[in-house]
């Protein structure tokens, strides 16, 4: 990446986004990608080294991150609540309750 004014955390985030882009691009041929956006393959090849690092930095600066399409987003508060309820439920599990076939 070029010399930037990003914080170390932002640089790491941009690096991860760039890695995701490059891995995804490596998993396909350049032809269909180029056709889809109306450029030739050489343009995509140049963008990979010249523009993708900047794209990743822009995403980071505006507070976005790149994830694979199949990734799911879950609210952090929802996850905390589920973990809390799970812990509370597991606190009632003892050898005796297990012997009886479940928690009381």
N, C-alpha and C. Protein backbone atom coordinates (compact mmCIF):
# COMPACT_ATOMS: atom_id res chain seq x y z
N UNK A 1 0.83 -1.18 0.00
CA UNK A 1 0.00 0.00 0.00
C UNK A 1 0.88 1.25 0.00
N UNK A 2 0.27 2.32 -0.44
CA UNK A 2 0.99 3.57 -0.48
C UNK A 2 1.12 4.15 0.92
N UNK A 3 1.94 5.21 1.00
CA UNK A 3 2.07 5.91 2.28
C UNK A 3 0.74 6.60 2.57
N UNK A 4 0.16 6.30 3.72
CA UNK A 4 -1.15 6.86 4.04
C UNK A 4 -1.11 7.54 5.40
N UNK A 5 -2.19 8.23 5.71
CA UNK A 5 -2.36 8.84 7.02
C UNK A 5 -3.33 8.03 7.86
N UNK A 6 -3.54 6.78 7.48
CA UNK A 6 -4.43 5.92 8.24
C UNK A 6 -3.77 5.50 9.55
N UNK A 7 -4.59 5.32 10.56
CA UNK A 7 -4.07 4.81 11.83
C UNK A 7 -3.64 3.35 11.63
N UNK A 8 -2.86 2.81 12.54
CA UNK A 8 -2.48 1.40 12.42
C UNK A 8 -3.70 0.47 12.33
N UNK A 9 -4.76 0.75 13.09
CA UNK A 9 -5.97 -0.08 13.03
C UNK A 9 -6.64 0.03 11.66
N UNK A 10 -6.67 1.24 11.11
CA UNK A 10 -7.24 1.43 9.79
C UNK A 10 -6.39 0.75 8.72
N UNK A 11 -5.09 0.82 8.87
CA UNK A 11 -4.21 0.15 7.92
C UNK A 11 -4.46 -1.35 7.92
N UNK A 12 -4.64 -1.92 9.11
CA UNK A 12 -4.91 -3.35 9.22
C UNK A 12 -6.25 -3.70 8.59
N UNK A 13 -7.26 -2.88 8.82
CA UNK A 13 -8.57 -3.11 8.23
C UNK A 13 -8.50 -3.03 6.70
N UNK A 14 -7.80 -2.03 6.20
CA UNK A 14 -7.65 -1.89 4.75
C UNK A 14 -6.88 -3.07 4.17
N UNK A 15 -5.87 -3.54 4.89
CA UNK A 15 -5.09 -4.69 4.42
C UNK A 15 -5.99 -5.92 4.31
N UNK A 16 -6.86 -6.11 5.30
CA UNK A 16 -7.77 -7.26 5.27
C UNK A 16 -8.75 -7.15 4.12
N UNK A 17 -9.28 -5.96 3.88
CA UNK A 17 -10.20 -5.76 2.76
C UNK A 17 -9.50 -6.02 1.44
N UNK A 18 -8.29 -5.53 1.31
CA UNK A 18 -7.52 -5.76 0.09
C UNK A 18 -7.29 -7.25 -0.11
N UNK A 19 -6.95 -7.95 0.94
CA UNK A 19 -6.72 -9.39 0.85
C UNK A 19 -7.98 -10.12 0.38
N UNK A 20 -9.12 -9.72 0.89
CA UNK A 20 -10.39 -10.33 0.48
C UNK A 20 -10.63 -10.08 -1.01
N UNK A 21 -10.40 -8.85 -1.46
CA UNK A 21 -10.58 -8.53 -2.88
C UNK A 21 -9.65 -9.37 -3.76
N UNK A 22 -8.39 -9.44 -3.35
CA UNK A 22 -7.42 -10.16 -4.17
C UNK A 22 -7.71 -11.66 -4.19
N UNK A 23 -8.11 -12.22 -3.06
CA UNK A 23 -8.45 -13.64 -3.02
C UNK A 23 -9.66 -13.94 -3.89
N UNK A 24 -10.67 -13.08 -3.82
CA UNK A 24 -11.86 -13.28 -4.64
C UNK A 24 -11.53 -13.19 -6.12
N UNK A 25 -10.70 -12.23 -6.47
CA UNK A 25 -10.32 -12.06 -7.87
C UNK A 25 -9.48 -13.25 -8.35
N UNK A 26 -8.65 -13.78 -7.46
CA UNK A 26 -7.83 -14.93 -7.83
C UNK A 26 -8.69 -16.17 -8.09
N UNK A 27 -9.89 -16.19 -7.53
CA UNK A 27 -10.78 -17.33 -7.69
C UNK A 27 -11.61 -17.29 -8.96
N UNK A 28 -11.37 -16.32 -9.81
CA UNK A 28 -12.13 -16.20 -11.05
C UNK A 28 -11.19 -15.76 -12.17
N UNK A 29 -11.69 -15.81 -13.38
CA UNK A 29 -10.91 -15.28 -14.49
C UNK A 29 -11.26 -13.81 -14.66
N UNK A 30 -10.35 -13.06 -15.21
CA UNK A 30 -10.54 -11.63 -15.32
C UNK A 30 -11.58 -11.25 -16.38
N UNK A 31 -11.77 -12.11 -17.38
CA UNK A 31 -12.69 -11.82 -18.48
C UNK A 31 -14.10 -11.45 -18.03
N UNK A 32 -14.78 -12.32 -17.27
CA UNK A 32 -16.14 -11.99 -16.84
C UNK A 32 -16.21 -10.73 -15.97
N UNK A 33 -15.21 -10.50 -15.14
CA UNK A 33 -15.18 -9.30 -14.30
C UNK A 33 -15.05 -8.07 -15.20
N UNK A 34 -14.14 -8.12 -16.15
CA UNK A 34 -13.93 -7.00 -17.07
C UNK A 34 -15.19 -6.74 -17.89
N UNK A 35 -15.79 -7.80 -18.42
CA UNK A 35 -17.02 -7.64 -19.22
C UNK A 35 -18.14 -7.00 -18.39
N UNK A 36 -18.26 -7.41 -17.14
CA UNK A 36 -19.34 -6.92 -16.29
C UNK A 36 -19.27 -5.42 -16.05
N UNK A 37 -18.05 -4.87 -16.03
CA UNK A 37 -17.93 -3.43 -15.79
C UNK A 37 -17.50 -2.66 -17.04
N UNK A 38 -17.47 -3.36 -18.18
CA UNK A 38 -17.22 -2.69 -19.45
C UNK A 38 -15.80 -2.23 -19.70
N UNK A 39 -14.83 -2.99 -19.22
CA UNK A 39 -13.42 -2.68 -19.48
C UNK A 39 -12.73 -3.95 -19.99
N UNK A 40 -11.48 -3.82 -20.40
CA UNK A 40 -10.78 -5.04 -20.79
C UNK A 40 -9.98 -5.62 -19.63
N UNK A 41 -9.54 -6.85 -19.83
CA UNK A 41 -8.85 -7.59 -18.77
C UNK A 41 -7.61 -6.87 -18.27
N UNK A 42 -6.90 -6.19 -19.17
CA UNK A 42 -5.68 -5.49 -18.75
C UNK A 42 -6.01 -4.37 -17.76
N UNK A 43 -7.18 -3.76 -17.91
CA UNK A 43 -7.59 -2.71 -16.98
C UNK A 43 -7.81 -3.30 -15.59
N UNK A 44 -8.47 -4.45 -15.53
CA UNK A 44 -8.68 -5.12 -14.24
C UNK A 44 -7.35 -5.50 -13.63
N UNK A 45 -6.44 -5.99 -14.45
CA UNK A 45 -5.12 -6.37 -13.97
C UNK A 45 -4.38 -5.17 -13.38
N UNK A 46 -4.46 -4.03 -14.06
CA UNK A 46 -3.81 -2.82 -13.54
C UNK A 46 -4.49 -2.34 -12.27
N UNK A 47 -5.82 -2.39 -12.25
CA UNK A 47 -6.57 -1.94 -11.07
C UNK A 47 -6.17 -2.75 -9.84
N UNK A 48 -5.93 -4.04 -10.07
CA UNK A 48 -5.58 -4.93 -8.96
C UNK A 48 -4.39 -4.38 -8.18
N UNK A 49 -3.39 -3.91 -8.88
CA UNK A 49 -2.20 -3.42 -8.17
C UNK A 49 -2.24 -1.92 -7.90
N UNK A 50 -2.88 -1.16 -8.79
CA UNK A 50 -2.85 0.29 -8.65
C UNK A 50 -4.02 0.87 -7.88
N UNK A 51 -5.21 0.30 -8.03
CA UNK A 51 -6.41 0.90 -7.47
C UNK A 51 -7.02 0.15 -6.29
N UNK A 52 -6.91 -1.17 -6.29
CA UNK A 52 -7.52 -1.94 -5.20
C UNK A 52 -7.02 -1.51 -3.82
N UNK A 53 -5.72 -1.24 -3.65
CA UNK A 53 -5.29 -0.77 -2.33
C UNK A 53 -5.99 0.53 -1.92
N UNK A 54 -6.18 1.43 -2.86
CA UNK A 54 -6.89 2.68 -2.56
C UNK A 54 -8.36 2.42 -2.26
N UNK A 55 -8.99 1.52 -3.01
CA UNK A 55 -10.39 1.18 -2.74
C UNK A 55 -10.53 0.67 -1.31
N UNK A 56 -9.62 -0.19 -0.90
CA UNK A 56 -9.66 -0.76 0.45
C UNK A 56 -9.50 0.34 1.50
N UNK A 57 -8.63 1.29 1.24
CA UNK A 57 -8.43 2.41 2.17
C UNK A 57 -9.68 3.29 2.24
N UNK A 58 -10.31 3.56 1.10
CA UNK A 58 -11.53 4.37 1.08
C UNK A 58 -12.61 3.69 1.91
N UNK A 59 -12.81 2.39 1.71
CA UNK A 59 -13.81 1.67 2.50
C UNK A 59 -13.54 1.84 3.99
N UNK A 60 -12.29 1.71 4.37
CA UNK A 60 -11.92 1.83 5.78
C UNK A 60 -12.20 3.22 6.32
N UNK A 61 -11.81 4.23 5.58
CA UNK A 61 -11.97 5.61 6.04
C UNK A 61 -13.45 5.98 6.20
N UNK A 62 -14.32 5.45 5.33
CA UNK A 62 -15.74 5.79 5.43
C UNK A 62 -16.51 4.82 6.34
N UNK A 63 -15.76 3.96 7.02
CA UNK A 63 -16.37 3.11 8.04
C UNK A 63 -17.03 1.85 7.53
N UNK A 64 -16.61 1.38 6.37
CA UNK A 64 -17.15 0.14 5.83
C UNK A 64 -16.06 -0.92 5.80
N UNK A 65 -16.50 -2.18 5.78
CA UNK A 65 -15.52 -3.24 5.62
C UNK A 65 -16.04 -4.22 4.59
N UNK A 66 -15.14 -4.86 3.94
CA UNK A 66 -15.46 -5.80 2.88
C UNK A 66 -15.50 -7.20 3.47
N UNK A 67 -16.57 -7.90 3.19
CA UNK A 67 -16.70 -9.29 3.64
C UNK A 67 -17.25 -10.12 2.49
N UNK A 68 -17.00 -11.41 2.50
CA UNK A 68 -17.58 -12.26 1.46
C UNK A 68 -19.11 -12.20 1.50
N UNK A 69 -19.74 -12.40 0.35
CA UNK A 69 -21.19 -12.33 0.23
C UNK A 69 -21.90 -13.25 1.21
N UNK A 70 -21.33 -14.43 1.44
CA UNK A 70 -21.99 -15.41 2.32
C UNK A 70 -21.83 -15.10 3.81
N UNK A 71 -21.06 -14.09 4.14
CA UNK A 71 -20.88 -13.71 5.54
C UNK A 71 -22.19 -13.17 6.10
N UNK A 72 -22.42 -13.41 7.38
CA UNK A 72 -23.62 -12.94 8.05
C UNK A 72 -23.25 -11.86 9.05
N UNK A 73 -24.16 -10.91 9.26
CA UNK A 73 -23.95 -9.83 10.20
C UNK A 73 -24.92 -10.00 11.36
N UNK A 74 -24.37 -10.00 12.56
CA UNK A 74 -25.19 -10.13 13.77
C UNK A 74 -24.88 -8.96 14.69
N UNK A 75 -25.93 -8.41 15.29
CA UNK A 75 -25.77 -7.30 16.20
C UNK A 75 -25.02 -7.76 17.45
N UNK A 76 -24.02 -7.01 17.85
CA UNK A 76 -23.20 -7.36 19.00
C UNK A 76 -24.02 -7.49 20.28
N UNK A 77 -25.01 -6.61 20.46
CA UNK A 77 -25.87 -6.68 21.65
C UNK A 77 -26.70 -7.97 21.66
N UNK A 78 -27.17 -8.40 20.50
CA UNK A 78 -27.92 -9.66 20.42
C UNK A 78 -27.03 -10.83 20.84
N UNK A 79 -25.81 -10.83 20.37
CA UNK A 79 -24.87 -11.92 20.72
C UNK A 79 -24.59 -11.90 22.22
N UNK A 80 -24.37 -10.71 22.79
CA UNK A 80 -24.15 -10.61 24.25
C UNK A 80 -25.34 -11.17 25.02
N UNK A 81 -26.54 -10.83 24.59
CA UNK A 81 -27.75 -11.31 25.27
C UNK A 81 -27.85 -12.83 25.19
N UNK A 82 -27.57 -13.38 24.02
CA UNK A 82 -27.62 -14.84 23.87
C UNK A 82 -26.57 -15.53 24.75
N UNK A 83 -25.38 -14.97 24.79
CA UNK A 83 -24.33 -15.55 25.64
C UNK A 83 -24.71 -15.46 27.11
N UNK A 84 -25.29 -14.34 27.52
CA UNK A 84 -25.72 -14.16 28.90
C UNK A 84 -26.78 -15.20 29.26
N UNK A 85 -27.78 -15.35 28.42
CA UNK A 85 -28.84 -16.32 28.68
C UNK A 85 -28.29 -17.75 28.70
N UNK A 86 -27.36 -18.04 27.81
CA UNK A 86 -26.76 -19.37 27.79
C UNK A 86 -25.99 -19.65 29.07
N UNK A 87 -25.21 -18.66 29.52
CA UNK A 87 -24.46 -18.84 30.77
C UNK A 87 -25.41 -19.06 31.95
N UNK A 88 -26.47 -18.25 32.01
CA UNK A 88 -27.45 -18.38 33.10
C UNK A 88 -28.08 -19.77 33.10
N UNK A 89 -28.41 -20.24 31.94
CA UNK A 89 -29.02 -21.56 31.82
C UNK A 89 -28.03 -22.66 32.23
N UNK A 90 -26.79 -22.50 31.83
CA UNK A 90 -25.78 -23.52 32.16
C UNK A 90 -25.42 -23.52 33.64
N UNK A 91 -25.62 -22.40 34.32
CA UNK A 91 -25.31 -22.35 35.76
C UNK A 91 -26.16 -23.33 36.55
N UNK A 92 -27.34 -23.64 36.05
CA UNK A 92 -28.22 -24.56 36.77
C UNK A 92 -27.89 -26.02 36.50
N UNK A 93 -26.98 -26.29 35.60
CA UNK A 93 -26.61 -27.67 35.28
C UNK A 93 -25.60 -28.17 36.32
N UNK A 94 -25.97 -29.26 36.97
CA UNK A 94 -25.10 -29.92 37.95
C UNK A 94 -25.09 -31.40 37.62
N UNK A 95 -24.18 -32.15 38.22
CA UNK A 95 -24.21 -33.60 37.98
C UNK A 95 -25.57 -34.21 38.34
N UNK A 96 -26.20 -33.68 39.37
CA UNK A 96 -27.51 -34.21 39.79
C UNK A 96 -28.59 -33.95 38.73
N UNK A 97 -28.62 -32.71 38.21
CA UNK A 97 -29.63 -32.40 37.19
C UNK A 97 -29.37 -33.18 35.92
N UNK A 98 -28.11 -33.42 35.60
CA UNK A 98 -27.79 -34.22 34.42
C UNK A 98 -28.25 -35.67 34.62
N UNK A 99 -28.07 -36.18 35.83
CA UNK A 99 -28.49 -37.55 36.12
C UNK A 99 -30.01 -37.70 35.99
N UNK A 100 -30.74 -36.62 36.29
CA UNK A 100 -32.20 -36.65 36.20
C UNK A 100 -32.69 -36.42 34.77
N UNK A 101 -31.76 -36.12 33.88
CA UNK A 101 -32.15 -35.93 32.48
C UNK A 101 -32.29 -34.50 32.03
N UNK A 102 -31.80 -33.56 32.77
CA UNK A 102 -31.87 -32.16 32.32
C UNK A 102 -31.77 -31.18 33.45
N UNK A 103 -31.72 -29.92 33.09
CA UNK A 103 -31.62 -28.83 34.10
C UNK A 103 -32.97 -28.61 34.73
N UNK A 104 -32.97 -28.18 35.98
CA UNK A 104 -34.20 -27.91 36.72
C UNK A 104 -34.62 -26.49 36.47
